[in-house]
Amino acid sequence: MTVDIARHARHIVLKELGGPGQRRLTDARITLIGVGGLGAPAALYLAAAGVGKLRLVDPDTVSLDNLQRQVLFRTEDIGALKVECAAKALTALDPAVQIDPRPVPAMPETLPALVEGSDLVLDGCDNFKTRFAVNAATLRHKIPLVSGAVGRWEGQLGVFAPHLGKDAPCYQCWTPEPPPDAEDCATLGVVGTLTGVIGAQMAMEAIKLITGAGTPLVGRLSLYDGLSGRSRTVTLRALRNCPACAAGKIDNRPDT
């Protein structure tokens, strides 16, 4: 693919991106797990940024209660596959972006093939079973993972990539086991705009990782409280006995 200079002029004039950074975006292959509250805004901004190929993984159909926060969809999309509706909307935004819709569940059996060949994986799913499976697949292929989560008025975001540094954690270093009281948004509720805040931040981290701009949240977790408007960032460390990336599970050393 060629870089559309007129379309991406505002990126190209940024000294941290320039033509080379935009070329890296144009050549990038990103997989999004979940095209819902977080995946929808992330996908929109990545397509607008000119990412070369977006693979969308989600088996669900659009429902009425999705429309409060899943901004890719419209009322007439109710009942249709999310990935197909998303592909149509993203192609309308930029026809040059290659959209690969995969209406399949993200499971331990399917994920290795779904993420293989990706430069980056974004996970916006809503349950720990899938998050752990995505983490395992990205560890297997040494692919950086951008993971976001939301509930009520609070959101969090981290980049997990043990292969990028000796002490860099994976997702299960942060959450080794599902919390005993884990609930999803259907139970907790979530303010719709929060998914836009965190989803856009996921796209920001993806752009930084692909282009080498700035300092990605590798080994850090960003926490946002929508009610107070406060944000903070905490440092995470690799867990020595992590069930996913500890010795014997995966070679954690950076490639040389």
C-alpha atoms as a PDB file:
ATOM      1  CA  MET A   1       0.000   0.000   0.000  1.00  0.00           C
ATOM      2  CA  THR A   2       1.089   3.547  -0.692  1.00  0.00           C
ATOM      3  CA  VAL A   3       0.813   6.308   1.888  1.00  0.00           C
ATOM      4  CA  ASP A   4      -2.006   8.752   1.151  1.00  0.00           C
ATOM      5  CA  ILE A   5      -0.129  11.977   1.860  1.00  0.00           C
ATOM      6  CA  ALA A   6      -3.166  14.248   1.655  1.00  0.00           C
ATOM      7  CA  ARG A   7      -5.273  12.050   3.963  1.00  0.00           C
ATOM      8  CA  HIS A   8      -2.562  11.659   6.589  1.00  0.00           C
ATOM      9  CA  ALA A   9      -0.938  15.082   6.365  1.00  0.00           C
ATOM     10  CA  ARG A  10      -1.591  15.856  10.049  1.00  0.00           C
ATOM     11  CA  HIS A  11       0.399  12.753  11.014  1.00  0.00           C
ATOM     12  CA  ILE A  12       3.193  13.360   8.567  1.00  0.00           C
ATOM     13  CA  VAL A  13       3.949  16.848   9.924  1.00  0.00           C
ATOM     14  CA  LEU A  14       4.444  15.435  13.419  1.00  0.00           C
ATOM     15  CA  LYS A  15       8.180  15.129  14.068  1.00  0.00           C
ATOM     16  CA  GLU A  16       7.597  11.934  16.084  1.00  0.00           C
ATOM     17  CA  LEU A  17       5.854  10.271  13.128  1.00  0.00           C
ATOM     18  CA  GLY A  18       6.656  11.878   9.804  1.00  0.00           C
ATOM     19  CA  GLY A  19       6.641   9.927   6.590  1.00  0.00           C
ATOM     20  CA  PRO A  20       8.462   6.893   8.051  1.00  0.00           C
ATOM     21  CA  GLY A  21       5.991   6.591  10.930  1.00  0.00           C
ATOM     22  CA  GLN A  22       3.020   6.805   8.608  1.00  0.00           C
ATOM     23  CA  ARG A  23       4.613   4.158   6.383  1.00  0.00           C
ATOM     24  CA  ARG A  24       4.903   1.851   9.399  1.00  0.00           C
ATOM     25  CA  LEU A  25       1.211   2.395  10.128  1.00  0.00           C
ATOM     26  CA  THR A  26       0.339   1.674   6.508  1.00  0.00           C
ATOM     27  CA  ASP A  27       2.316  -1.576   6.664  1.00  0.00           C
ATOM     28  CA  ALA A  28       0.943  -2.641  10.065  1.00  0.00           C
ATOM     29  CA  ARG A  29      -1.280  -5.650  10.727  1.00  0.00           C
ATOM     30  CA  ILE A  30      -3.388  -5.343  13.875  1.00  0.00           C
ATOM     31  CA  THR A  31      -5.872  -7.806  15.339  1.00  0.00           C
ATOM     32  CA  LEU A  32      -8.736  -6.587  17.533  1.00  0.00           C
ATOM     33  CA  ILE A  33     -10.362  -9.068  19.873  1.00  0.00           C
ATOM     34  CA  GLY A  34     -13.887  -7.809  20.421  1.00  0.00           C
ATOM     35  CA  VAL A  35     -15.604  -5.113  18.383  1.00  0.00           C
ATOM     36  CA  GLY A  36     -17.754  -3.760  21.181  1.00  0.00           C
ATOM     37  CA  GLY A  37     -17.479  -0.802  23.525  1.00  0.00           C
ATOM     38  CA  LEU A  38     -13.667  -0.687  23.435  1.00  0.00           C
ATOM     39  CA  GLY A  39     -13.009  -2.272  20.065  1.00  0.00           C
ATOM     40  CA  ALA A  40     -15.378   0.052  18.204  1.00  0.00           C
ATOM     41  CA  PRO A  41     -13.632   3.381  18.964  1.00  0.00           C
ATOM     42  CA  ALA A  42     -10.207   1.738  18.757  1.00  0.00           C
ATOM     43  CA  ALA A  43     -11.017   0.366  15.306  1.00  0.00           C
ATOM     44  CA  LEU A  44     -12.319   3.739  14.114  1.00  0.00           C
ATOM     45  CA  TYR A  45      -9.173   5.578  15.145  1.00  0.00           C
ATOM     46  CA  LEU A  46      -6.847   2.895  13.785  1.00  0.00           C
ATOM     47  CA  ALA A  47      -8.635   2.904  10.435  1.00  0.00           C
ATOM     48  CA  ALA A  48      -8.511   6.710  10.394  1.00  0.00           C
ATOM     49  CA  ALA A  49      -4.786   6.498  11.166  1.00  0.00           C
ATOM     50  CA  GLY A  50      -4.272   4.448   8.010  1.00  0.00           C
ATOM     51  CA  VAL A  51      -3.349   1.101   9.556  1.00  0.00           C
ATOM     52  CA  GLY A  52      -2.840  -1.267   6.642  1.00  0.00           C
ATOM     53  CA  LYS A  53      -4.806  -4.292   7.838  1.00  0.00           C
ATOM     54  CA  LEU A  54      -7.297  -4.704  10.672  1.00  0.00           C
ATOM     55  CA  ARG A  55      -8.509  -8.171  11.624  1.00  0.00           C
ATOM     56  CA  LEU A  56     -11.752  -8.023  13.609  1.00  0.00           C
ATOM     57  CA  VAL A  57     -12.603 -11.002  15.814  1.00  0.00           C
ATOM     58  CA  ASP A  58     -16.093 -11.156  17.330  1.00  0.00           C
ATOM     59  CA  PRO A  59     -18.866 -13.766  16.931  1.00  0.00           C
ATOM     60  CA  ASP A  60     -21.672 -11.551  18.247  1.00  0.00           C
ATOM     61  CA  THR A  61     -24.498  -9.712  16.550  1.00  0.00           C
ATOM     62  CA  VAL A  62     -25.544  -6.123  17.230  1.00  0.00           C
ATOM     63  CA  SER A  63     -28.226  -5.703  19.902  1.00  0.00           C
ATOM     64  CA  LEU A  64     -30.226  -2.659  20.954  1.00  0.00           C
ATOM     65  CA  ASP A  65     -28.374  -2.249  24.260  1.00  0.00           C
ATOM     66  CA  ASN A  66     -25.030  -2.126  22.405  1.00  0.00           C
ATOM     67  CA  LEU A  67     -25.879   1.218  20.812  1.00  0.00           C
ATOM     68  CA  GLN A  68     -25.425   3.166  24.054  1.00  0.00           C
ATOM     69  CA  ARG A  69     -21.632   2.834  23.672  1.00  0.00           C
ATOM     70  CA  GLN A  70     -20.648   0.835  20.558  1.00  0.00           C
ATOM     71  CA  VAL A  71     -20.317   3.753  18.174  1.00  0.00           C
ATOM     72  CA  LEU A  72     -19.569   1.757  15.021  1.00  0.00           C
ATOM     73  CA  PHE A  73     -23.170   0.535  14.809  1.00  0.00           C
ATOM     74  CA  ARG A  74     -26.560   2.001  13.913  1.00  0.00           C
ATOM     75  CA  THR A  75     -30.136   1.025  14.727  1.00  0.00           C
ATOM     76  CA  GLU A  76     -30.537  -0.675  11.345  1.00  0.00           C
ATOM     77  CA  ASP A  77     -27.580  -2.948  12.210  1.00  0.00           C
ATOM     78  CA  ILE A  78     -29.471  -4.730  15.006  1.00  0.00           C
ATOM     79  CA  GLY A  79     -29.318  -8.476  14.435  1.00  0.00           C
ATOM     80  CA  ALA A  80     -26.395  -8.314  11.994  1.00  0.00           C
ATOM     81  CA  LEU A  81     -22.874  -9.595  12.689  1.00  0.00           C
ATOM     82  CA  LYS A  82     -20.753  -6.967  14.413  1.00  0.00           C
ATOM     83  CA  VAL A  83     -17.652  -7.677  12.336  1.00  0.00           C
ATOM     84  CA  GLU A  84     -19.583  -7.310   9.089  1.00  0.00           C
ATOM     85  CA  CYS A  85     -21.159  -4.015  10.165  1.00  0.00           C
ATOM     86  CA  ALA A  86     -17.799  -2.793  11.445  1.00  0.00           C
ATOM     87  CA  ALA A  87     -16.094  -3.731   8.177  1.00  0.00           C
ATOM     88  CA  LYS A  88     -18.644  -1.713   6.224  1.00  0.00           C
ATOM     89  CA  ALA A  89     -18.246   1.362   8.445  1.00  0.00           C
ATOM     90  CA  LEU A  90     -14.447   1.213   8.478  1.00  0.00           C
ATOM     91  CA  THR A  91     -14.229   0.752   4.724  1.00  0.00           C
ATOM     92  CA  ALA A  92     -16.459   3.797   4.304  1.00  0.00           C
ATOM     93  CA  LEU A  93     -14.013   5.742   6.470  1.00  0.00           C
ATOM     94  CA  ASP A  94     -10.940   4.663   4.467  1.00  0.00           C
ATOM     95  CA  PRO A  95     -11.341   2.204   1.572  1.00  0.00           C
ATOM     96  CA  ALA A  96      -7.572   1.611   1.495  1.00  0.00           C
ATOM     97  CA  VAL A  97      -7.576  -0.131   4.889  1.00  0.00           C
ATOM     98  CA  GLN A  98      -7.893  -3.888   4.492  1.00  0.00           C
ATOM     99  CA  ILE A  99     -10.558  -5.220   6.870  1.00  0.00           C
ATOM    100  CA  ASP A 100     -10.528  -8.924   7.712  1.00  0.00           C
ATOM    101  CA  PRO A 101     -13.801  -9.759   9.547  1.00  0.00           C
ATOM    102  CA  ARG A 102     -13.716 -12.986  11.566  1.00  0.00           C
ATOM    103  CA  PRO A 103     -17.122 -13.820  13.140  1.00  0.00           C
ATOM    104  CA  VAL A 104     -15.622 -16.544  15.340  1.00  0.00           C
ATOM    105  CA  PRO A 105     -15.170 -16.862  19.105  1.00  0.00           C
ATOM    106  CA  ALA A 106     -11.783 -16.042  20.610  1.00  0.00           C
ATOM    107  CA  MET A 107     -10.868 -19.337  22.283  1.00  0.00           C
ATOM    108  CA  PRO A 108      -7.632 -21.165  23.154  1.00  0.00           C
ATOM    109  CA  GLU A 109      -8.210 -23.349  20.090  1.00  0.00           C
ATOM    110  CA  THR A 110      -8.764 -20.484  17.635  1.00  0.00           C
ATOM    111  CA  LEU A 111      -6.594 -17.651  18.947  1.00  0.00           C
ATOM    112  CA  PRO A 112      -3.099 -18.818  17.908  1.00  0.00           C
ATOM    113  CA  ALA A 113      -4.117 -18.799  14.240  1.00  0.00           C
ATOM    114  CA  LEU A 114      -6.120 -15.573  14.625  1.00  0.00           C
ATOM    115  CA  VAL A 115      -3.202 -13.553  16.022  1.00  0.00           C
ATOM    116  CA  GLU A 116      -0.360 -15.172  14.074  1.00  0.00           C
ATOM    117  CA  GLY A 117       1.307 -12.705  11.733  1.00  0.00           C
ATOM    118  CA  SER A 118      -0.031  -9.688  13.617  1.00  0.00           C
ATOM    119  CA  ASP A 119       2.253  -6.859  14.657  1.00  0.00           C
ATOM    120  CA  LEU A 120      -0.034  -6.031  17.563  1.00  0.00           C
ATOM    121  CA  VAL A 121      -3.162  -7.333  19.302  1.00  0.00           C
ATOM    122  CA  LEU A 122      -5.790  -5.190  21.021  1.00  0.00           C
ATOM    123  CA  ASP A 123      -8.050  -6.939  23.515  1.00  0.00           C
ATOM    124  CA  GLY A 124     -11.335  -5.295  24.418  1.00  0.00           C
ATOM    125  CA  CYS A 125     -13.255  -8.386  25.522  1.00  0.00           C
ATOM    126  CA  ASP A 126     -15.410  -8.496  28.642  1.00  0.00           C
ATOM    127  CA  ASN A 127     -14.424 -11.710  30.455  1.00  0.00           C
ATOM    128  CA  PHE A 128     -11.298 -13.119  32.074  1.00  0.00           C
ATOM    129  CA  LYS A 129     -11.416 -16.498  30.322  1.00  0.00           C
ATOM    130  CA  THR A 130     -10.973 -14.801  26.960  1.00  0.00           C
ATOM    131  CA  ARG A 131      -8.405 -12.325  28.295  1.00  0.00           C
ATOM    132  CA  PHE A 132      -6.254 -15.181  29.584  1.00  0.00           C
ATOM    133  CA  ALA A 133      -6.549 -17.012  26.260  1.00  0.00           C
ATOM    134  CA  VAL A 134      -5.580 -13.875  24.323  1.00  0.00           C
ATOM    135  CA  ASN A 135      -2.633 -13.348  26.675  1.00  0.00           C
ATOM    136  CA  ALA A 136      -1.441 -16.920  26.097  1.00  0.00           C
ATOM    137  CA  ALA A 137      -1.685 -16.581  22.310  1.00  0.00           C
ATOM    138  CA  THR A 138       0.242 -13.302  22.227  1.00  0.00           C
ATOM    139  CA  LEU A 139       2.900 -14.770  24.508  1.00  0.00           C
ATOM    140  CA  ARG A 140       3.260 -17.751  22.188  1.00  0.00           C
ATOM    141  CA  HIS A 141       3.881 -15.527  19.160  1.00  0.00           C
ATOM    142  CA  LYS A 142       5.721 -12.720  21.051  1.00  0.00           C
ATOM    143  CA  ILE A 143       3.193 -10.098  19.998  1.00  0.00           C
ATOM    144  CA  PRO A 144       2.609  -6.980  22.143  1.00  0.00           C
ATOM    145  CA  LEU A 145      -0.841  -6.937  23.734  1.00  0.00           C
ATOM    146  CA  VAL A 146      -2.822  -3.761  24.412  1.00  0.00           C
ATOM    147  CA  SER A 147      -5.522  -4.622  26.932  1.00  0.00           C
ATOM    148  CA  GLY A 148      -8.353  -2.389  28.113  1.00  0.00           C
ATOM    149  CA  ALA A 149     -11.218  -2.846  30.551  1.00  0.00           C
ATOM    150  CA  VAL A 150     -14.114  -0.727  31.803  1.00  0.00           C
ATOM    151  CA  GLY A 151     -16.840  -0.906  34.428  1.00  0.00           C
ATOM    152  CA  ARG A 152     -19.238   1.647  35.874  1.00  0.00           C
ATOM    153  CA  TRP A 153     -17.214   4.908  35.687  1.00  0.00           C
ATOM    154  CA  GLU A 154     -13.689   3.479  35.780  1.00  0.00           C
ATOM    155  CA  GLY A 155     -11.366   2.175  33.096  1.00  0.00           C
ATOM    156  CA  GLN A 156      -7.877   0.760  32.828  1.00  0.00           C
ATOM    157  CA  LEU A 157      -5.341   0.189  30.094  1.00  0.00           C
ATOM    158  CA  GLY A 158      -1.992  -1.579  29.867  1.00  0.00           C
ATOM    159  CA  VAL A 159       0.531  -2.909  27.371  1.00  0.00           C
ATOM    160  CA  PHE A 160       1.808  -6.406  28.055  1.00  0.00           C
ATOM    161  CA  ALA A 161       4.921  -7.594  26.227  1.00  0.00           C
ATOM    162  CA  PRO A 162       7.364  -9.743  28.242  1.00  0.00           C
ATOM    163  CA  HIS A 163       9.539 -10.252  25.164  1.00  0.00           C
ATOM    164  CA  LEU A 164      10.346  -6.529  25.114  1.00  0.00           C
ATOM    165  CA  GLY A 165      12.142  -6.488  28.459  1.00  0.00           C
ATOM    166  CA  LYS A 166      13.404  -8.724  31.251  1.00  0.00           C
ATOM    167  CA  ASP A 167      10.996  -7.374  33.860  1.00  0.00           C
ATOM    168  CA  ALA A 168       8.053  -6.632  31.573  1.00  0.00           C
ATOM    169  CA  PRO A 169       4.897  -8.440  32.751  1.00  0.00           C
ATOM    170  CA  CYS A 170       2.239 -10.326  30.845  1.00  0.00           C
ATOM    171  CA  TYR A 171      -1.468  -9.838  31.542  1.00  0.00           C
ATOM    172  CA  GLN A 172      -1.571 -12.670  34.083  1.00  0.00           C
ATOM    173  CA  CYS A 173       1.300 -11.146  36.028  1.00  0.00           C
ATOM    174  CA  TRP A 174      -1.220  -8.357  36.708  1.00  0.00           C
ATOM    175  CA  THR A 175      -4.198 -10.674  37.275  1.00  0.00           C
ATOM    176  CA  PRO A 176      -3.018 -14.263  37.881  1.00  0.00           C
ATOM    177  CA  GLU A 177      -6.545 -15.571  38.533  1.00  0.00           C
ATOM    178  CA  PRO A 178     -10.041 -14.196  37.828  1.00  0.00           C
ATOM    179  CA  PRO A 179     -11.332 -12.166  40.774  1.00  0.00           C
ATOM    180  CA  PRO A 180     -13.910 -14.184  42.727  1.00  0.00           C
ATOM    181  CA  ASP A 181     -16.475 -11.406  42.333  1.00  0.00           C
ATOM    182  CA  ALA A 182     -15.762 -10.655  38.658  1.00  0.00           C
ATOM    183  CA  GLU A 183     -18.759  -9.109  36.895  1.00  0.00           C
ATOM    184  CA  ASP A 184     -19.313  -7.827  33.387  1.00  0.00           C
ATOM    185  CA  CYS A 185     -20.834  -4.573  32.164  1.00  0.00           C
ATOM    186  CA  ALA A 186     -24.300  -6.097  31.945  1.00  0.00           C
ATOM    187  CA  THR A 187     -24.193  -6.476  35.731  1.00  0.00           C
ATOM    188  CA  LEU A 188     -22.026  -3.493  36.686  1.00  0.00           C
ATOM    189  CA  GLY A 189     -23.299  -0.988  34.161  1.00  0.00           C
ATOM    190  CA  VAL A 190     -20.986   1.371  32.290  1.00  0.00           C
ATOM    191  CA  VAL A 191     -21.240   4.979  31.170  1.00  0.00           C
ATOM    192  CA  GLY A 192     -21.034   4.921  27.392  1.00  0.00           C
ATOM    193  CA  THR A 193     -18.445   7.664  26.968  1.00  0.00           C
ATOM    194  CA  LEU A 194     -15.983   5.768  29.181  1.00  0.00           C
ATOM    195  CA  THR A 195     -15.572   3.126  26.488  1.00  0.00           C
ATOM    196  CA  GLY A 196     -14.651   5.904  24.066  1.00  0.00           C
ATOM    197  CA  VAL A 197     -12.010   7.256  26.443  1.00  0.00           C
ATOM    198  CA  ILE A 198     -10.324   3.892  26.993  1.00  0.00           C
ATOM    199  CA  GLY A 199     -10.842   2.659  23.426  1.00  0.00           C
ATOM    200  CA  ALA A 200      -9.192   5.801  22.041  1.00  0.00           C
ATOM    201  CA  GLN A 201      -6.306   5.346  24.465  1.00  0.00           C
ATOM    202  CA  MET A 202      -5.893   1.773  23.227  1.00  0.00           C
ATOM    203  CA  ALA A 203      -5.563   3.113  19.683  1.00  0.00           C
ATOM    204  CA  MET A 204      -3.043   5.691  20.931  1.00  0.00           C
ATOM    205  CA  GLU A 205      -0.877   2.971  22.478  1.00  0.00           C
ATOM    206  CA  ALA A 206      -1.124   0.963  19.264  1.00  0.00           C
ATOM    207  CA  ILE A 207       0.067   3.931  17.191  1.00  0.00           C
ATOM    208  CA  LYS A 208       2.986   4.515  19.566  1.00  0.00           C
ATOM    209  CA  LEU A 209       4.016   0.863  19.483  1.00  0.00           C
ATOM    210  CA  ILE A 210       3.836   0.616  15.702  1.00  0.00           C
ATOM    211  CA  THR A 211       5.682   3.860  14.988  1.00  0.00           C
ATOM    212  CA  GLY A 212       8.124   3.951  17.898  1.00  0.00           C
ATOM    213  CA  ALA A 213       6.820   7.341  19.037  1.00  0.00           C
ATOM    214  CA  GLY A 214       6.847   8.269  22.709  1.00  0.00           C
ATOM    215  CA  THR A 215       6.838   5.788  25.567  1.00  0.00           C
ATOM    216  CA  PRO A 216       4.198   3.043  25.398  1.00  0.00           C
ATOM    217  CA  LEU A 217       2.622   1.683  28.574  1.00  0.00           C
ATOM    218  CA  VAL A 218       4.803  -1.426  28.605  1.00  0.00           C
ATOM    219  CA  GLY A 219       4.948  -2.589  32.218  1.00  0.00           C
ATOM    220  CA  ARG A 220       2.562   0.140  33.337  1.00  0.00           C
ATOM    221  CA  LEU A 221      -1.159   0.372  33.946  1.00  0.00           C
ATOM    222  CA  SER A 222      -3.155   3.540  33.337  1.00  0.00           C
ATOM    223  CA  LEU A 223      -6.208   3.976  35.578  1.00  0.00           C
ATOM    224  CA  TYR A 224      -8.976   6.473  34.833  1.00  0.00           C
ATOM    225  CA  ASP A 225     -11.857   7.549  37.090  1.00  0.00           C
ATOM    226  CA  GLY A 226     -14.547   9.216  35.028  1.00  0.00           C
ATOM    227  CA  LEU A 227     -16.484  10.541  38.008  1.00  0.00           C
ATOM    228  CA  SER A 228     -13.568  12.491  39.439  1.00  0.00           C
ATOM    229  CA  GLY A 229     -11.751  13.088  36.152  1.00  0.00           C
ATOM    230  CA  ARG A 230      -8.544  11.789  37.722  1.00  0.00           C
ATOM    231  CA  SER A 231      -5.968   9.526  36.120  1.00  0.00           C
ATOM    232  CA  ARG A 232      -2.937   7.753  37.514  1.00  0.00           C
ATOM    233  CA  THR A 233      -0.369   5.294  36.255  1.00  0.00           C
ATOM    234  CA  VAL A 234       1.104   2.422  38.263  1.00  0.00           C
ATOM    235  CA  THR A 235       4.152   0.285  37.485  1.00  0.00           C
ATOM    236  CA  LEU A 236       3.732  -3.473  37.069  1.00  0.00           C
ATOM    237  CA  ARG A 237       6.417  -6.117  37.435  1.00  0.00           C
ATOM    238  CA  ALA A 238       6.753  -9.614  36.048  1.00  0.00           C
ATOM    239  CA  LEU A 239       5.429 -12.196  38.504  1.00  0.00           C
ATOM    240  CA  ARG A 240       8.035 -14.842  39.277  1.00  0.00           C
ATOM    241  CA  ASN A 241       5.429 -17.602  39.553  1.00  0.00           C
ATOM    242  CA  CYS A 242       3.071 -16.286  36.869  1.00  0.00           C
ATOM    243  CA  PRO A 243       0.890 -19.138  35.519  1.00  0.00           C
ATOM    244  CA  ALA A 244       1.351 -17.865  31.960  1.00  0.00           C
ATOM    245  CA  CYS A 245       4.871 -16.488  31.463  1.00  0.00           C
ATOM    246  CA  ALA A 246       7.011 -17.828  34.327  1.00  0.00           C
ATOM    247  CA  ALA A 247       9.995 -20.108  33.717  1.00  0.00           C
ATOM    248  CA  GLY A 248       8.951 -23.264  31.926  1.00  0.00           C
ATOM    249  CA  LYS A 249       5.891 -21.575  30.375  1.00  0.00           C
ATOM    250  CA  ILE A 250       7.556 -19.234  27.876  1.00  0.00           C
ATOM    251  CA  ASP A 251      10.991 -17.907  27.041  1.00  0.00           C
ATOM    252  CA  ASN A 252      10.743 -14.396  28.436  1.00  0.00           C
ATOM    253  CA  ARG A 253      14.049 -13.163  27.100  1.00  0.00           C
ATOM    254  CA  PRO A 254      14.071 -10.477  24.429  1.00  0.00           C
ATOM    255  CA  ASP A 255      15.153 -11.588  20.976  1.00  0.00           C
ATOM    256  CA  THR A 256      18.779 -10.739  20.189  1.00  0.00           C
END
